[in-house]
């Protein structure tokens, strides 16, 4: 992503739960998942990786895309989605 989508890569903020805050009863942190949030002007989305279900996804309030173990090329699928759905929002 760093070379293919530098504008996106340079504006991601990465998050990962490291423990439960115990602020919400019944709310369990997904300690294996990783997230990256993109916010630039009017464009906002989140990329997430869930290693337990082998899913890579991207979503915001209007878009949802997931790929994973069922695909022969999940990274290529994600890149194609970004090129077709996200890049036009940034132009």
C-alpha atoms as a PDB file:
ATOM      1  CA  UNK A   1       0.000   0.000   0.000  1.00  0.00           C
ATOM      2  CA  UNK A   2       2.873   2.351   0.753  1.00  0.00           C
ATOM      3  CA  UNK A   3       4.003   2.377  -2.895  1.00  0.00           C
ATOM      4  CA  UNK A   4       0.662   1.823  -4.633  1.00  0.00           C
ATOM      5  CA  UNK A   5      -1.450   4.314  -2.637  1.00  0.00           C
ATOM      6  CA  UNK A   6       0.949   6.760  -0.917  1.00  0.00           C
ATOM      7  CA  UNK A   7      -1.747   9.360  -0.165  1.00  0.00           C
ATOM      8  CA  UNK A   8      -3.782   6.739   1.671  1.00  0.00           C
ATOM      9  CA  UNK A   9      -0.794   5.135   3.377  1.00  0.00           C
ATOM     10  CA  UNK A  10       0.547   8.448   4.660  1.00  0.00           C
ATOM     11  CA  UNK A  11      -2.816   9.376   6.173  1.00  0.00           C
ATOM     12  CA  UNK A  12      -3.570   6.147   8.031  1.00  0.00           C
ATOM     13  CA  UNK A  13      -3.621   5.992  11.812  1.00  0.00           C
ATOM     14  CA  UNK A  14      -3.076   2.505  13.173  1.00  0.00           C
ATOM     15  CA  UNK A  15      -4.844   1.002  16.166  1.00  0.00           C
ATOM     16  CA  UNK A  16      -4.691  -2.295  18.003  1.00  0.00           C
ATOM     17  CA  UNK A  17      -6.420  -3.264  21.245  1.00  0.00           C
ATOM     18  CA  UNK A  18      -3.935  -4.388  23.864  1.00  0.00           C
ATOM     19  CA  UNK A  19      -6.286  -4.979  26.798  1.00  0.00           C
ATOM     20  CA  UNK A  20      -9.841  -4.523  27.956  1.00  0.00           C
ATOM     21  CA  UNK A  21     -10.738  -1.194  29.541  1.00  0.00           C
ATOM     22  CA  UNK A  22     -13.664  -2.954  31.267  1.00  0.00           C
ATOM     23  CA  UNK A  23     -15.734   0.199  30.763  1.00  0.00           C
ATOM     24  CA  UNK A  24     -18.479  -1.680  28.915  1.00  0.00           C
ATOM     25  CA  UNK A  25     -19.991  -4.774  30.495  1.00  0.00           C
ATOM     26  CA  UNK A  26     -19.915  -7.652  28.030  1.00  0.00           C
ATOM     27  CA  UNK A  27     -17.639  -5.757  25.627  1.00  0.00           C
ATOM     28  CA  UNK A  28     -14.603  -7.890  24.852  1.00  0.00           C
ATOM     29  CA  UNK A  29     -11.618  -6.430  23.016  1.00  0.00           C
ATOM     30  CA  UNK A  30     -10.598  -8.106  19.807  1.00  0.00           C
ATOM     31  CA  UNK A  31      -6.966  -8.386  20.770  1.00  0.00           C
ATOM     32  CA  UNK A  32      -5.803 -10.052  17.548  1.00  0.00           C
ATOM     33  CA  UNK A  33      -7.478  -7.590  15.174  1.00  0.00           C
ATOM     34  CA  UNK A  34      -5.677  -4.571  13.717  1.00  0.00           C
ATOM     35  CA  UNK A  35      -7.246  -1.383  12.375  1.00  0.00           C
ATOM     36  CA  UNK A  36      -6.188   1.605  10.328  1.00  0.00           C
ATOM     37  CA  UNK A  37      -8.361   4.710  10.069  1.00  0.00           C
ATOM     38  CA  UNK A  38      -8.171   7.128   7.146  1.00  0.00           C
ATOM     39  CA  UNK A  39      -9.560  10.640   7.477  1.00  0.00           C
ATOM     40  CA  UNK A  40      -8.755  13.355   4.957  1.00  0.00           C
ATOM     41  CA  UNK A  41     -11.112  16.224   4.219  1.00  0.00           C
ATOM     42  CA  UNK A  42     -14.510  14.650   3.560  1.00  0.00           C
ATOM     43  CA  UNK A  43     -13.246  11.077   3.049  1.00  0.00           C
ATOM     44  CA  UNK A  44     -13.217   8.605   5.915  1.00  0.00           C
ATOM     45  CA  UNK A  45     -12.875   4.813   6.040  1.00  0.00           C
ATOM     46  CA  UNK A  46     -11.379   2.024   8.105  1.00  0.00           C
ATOM     47  CA  UNK A  47      -9.265  -0.941   7.031  1.00  0.00           C
ATOM     48  CA  UNK A  48      -9.283  -3.923   9.341  1.00  0.00           C
ATOM     49  CA  UNK A  49      -7.581  -7.285   9.561  1.00  0.00           C
ATOM     50  CA  UNK A  50      -9.185 -10.127  11.506  1.00  0.00           C
ATOM     51  CA  UNK A  51      -6.717 -13.030  11.644  1.00  0.00           C
ATOM     52  CA  UNK A  52      -9.162 -15.366  13.414  1.00  0.00           C
ATOM     53  CA  UNK A  53     -11.660 -15.307  10.554  1.00  0.00           C
ATOM     54  CA  UNK A  54      -8.983 -14.542   7.942  1.00  0.00           C
ATOM     55  CA  UNK A  55     -10.743 -11.393   6.742  1.00  0.00           C
ATOM     56  CA  UNK A  56      -9.384  -8.124   5.383  1.00  0.00           C
ATOM     57  CA  UNK A  57     -12.010  -5.436   5.078  1.00  0.00           C
ATOM     58  CA  UNK A  58     -12.578  -1.806   4.331  1.00  0.00           C
ATOM     59  CA  UNK A  59     -15.664   0.188   5.217  1.00  0.00           C
ATOM     60  CA  UNK A  60     -17.233   3.501   6.068  1.00  0.00           C
ATOM     61  CA  UNK A  61     -20.841   4.630   6.395  1.00  0.00           C
ATOM     62  CA  UNK A  62     -21.554   3.950   2.715  1.00  0.00           C
ATOM     63  CA  UNK A  63     -19.119   1.214   1.651  1.00  0.00           C
ATOM     64  CA  UNK A  64     -18.337  -2.298   2.831  1.00  0.00           C
ATOM     65  CA  UNK A  65     -15.862  -4.677   1.263  1.00  0.00           C
ATOM     66  CA  UNK A  66     -14.407  -7.861   2.704  1.00  0.00           C
ATOM     67  CA  UNK A  67     -12.055 -10.423   1.271  1.00  0.00           C
ATOM     68  CA  UNK A  68     -10.184 -13.303   2.784  1.00  0.00           C
ATOM     69  CA  UNK A  69      -9.488 -17.022   2.712  1.00  0.00           C
ATOM     70  CA  UNK A  70     -12.123 -17.625   0.033  1.00  0.00           C
ATOM     71  CA  UNK A  71     -10.200 -15.533  -2.495  1.00  0.00           C
ATOM     72  CA  UNK A  72      -7.116 -16.611  -4.409  1.00  0.00           C
ATOM     73  CA  UNK A  73      -5.782 -13.033  -4.241  1.00  0.00           C
ATOM     74  CA  UNK A  74      -7.195 -11.051  -1.275  1.00  0.00           C
ATOM     75  CA  UNK A  75      -4.601  -8.264  -1.441  1.00  0.00           C
ATOM     76  CA  UNK A  76      -5.276  -7.753  -5.145  1.00  0.00           C
ATOM     77  CA  UNK A  77      -9.023  -7.732  -4.399  1.00  0.00           C
ATOM     78  CA  UNK A  78      -8.517  -5.043  -1.779  1.00  0.00           C
ATOM     79  CA  UNK A  79      -6.298  -2.979  -4.098  1.00  0.00           C
ATOM     80  CA  UNK A  80      -8.895  -3.196  -6.873  1.00  0.00           C
ATOM     81  CA  UNK A  81     -11.617  -2.041  -4.491  1.00  0.00           C
ATOM     82  CA  UNK A  82      -9.501   0.918  -3.368  1.00  0.00           C
ATOM     83  CA  UNK A  83      -8.779   1.897  -6.989  1.00  0.00           C
ATOM     84  CA  UNK A  84     -12.436   1.695  -8.040  1.00  0.00           C
ATOM     85  CA  UNK A  85     -14.255   2.966  -4.934  1.00  0.00           C
ATOM     86  CA  UNK A  86     -11.882   5.014  -2.768  1.00  0.00           C
ATOM     87  CA  UNK A  87      -9.492   6.764  -5.168  1.00  0.00           C
ATOM     88  CA  UNK A  88     -12.343   8.499  -7.052  1.00  0.00           C
ATOM     89  CA  UNK A  89     -13.506   9.989  -3.723  1.00  0.00           C
ATOM     90  CA  UNK A  90     -10.080  11.581  -3.265  1.00  0.00           C
ATOM     91  CA  UNK A  91      -9.938  13.242  -6.695  1.00  0.00           C
END
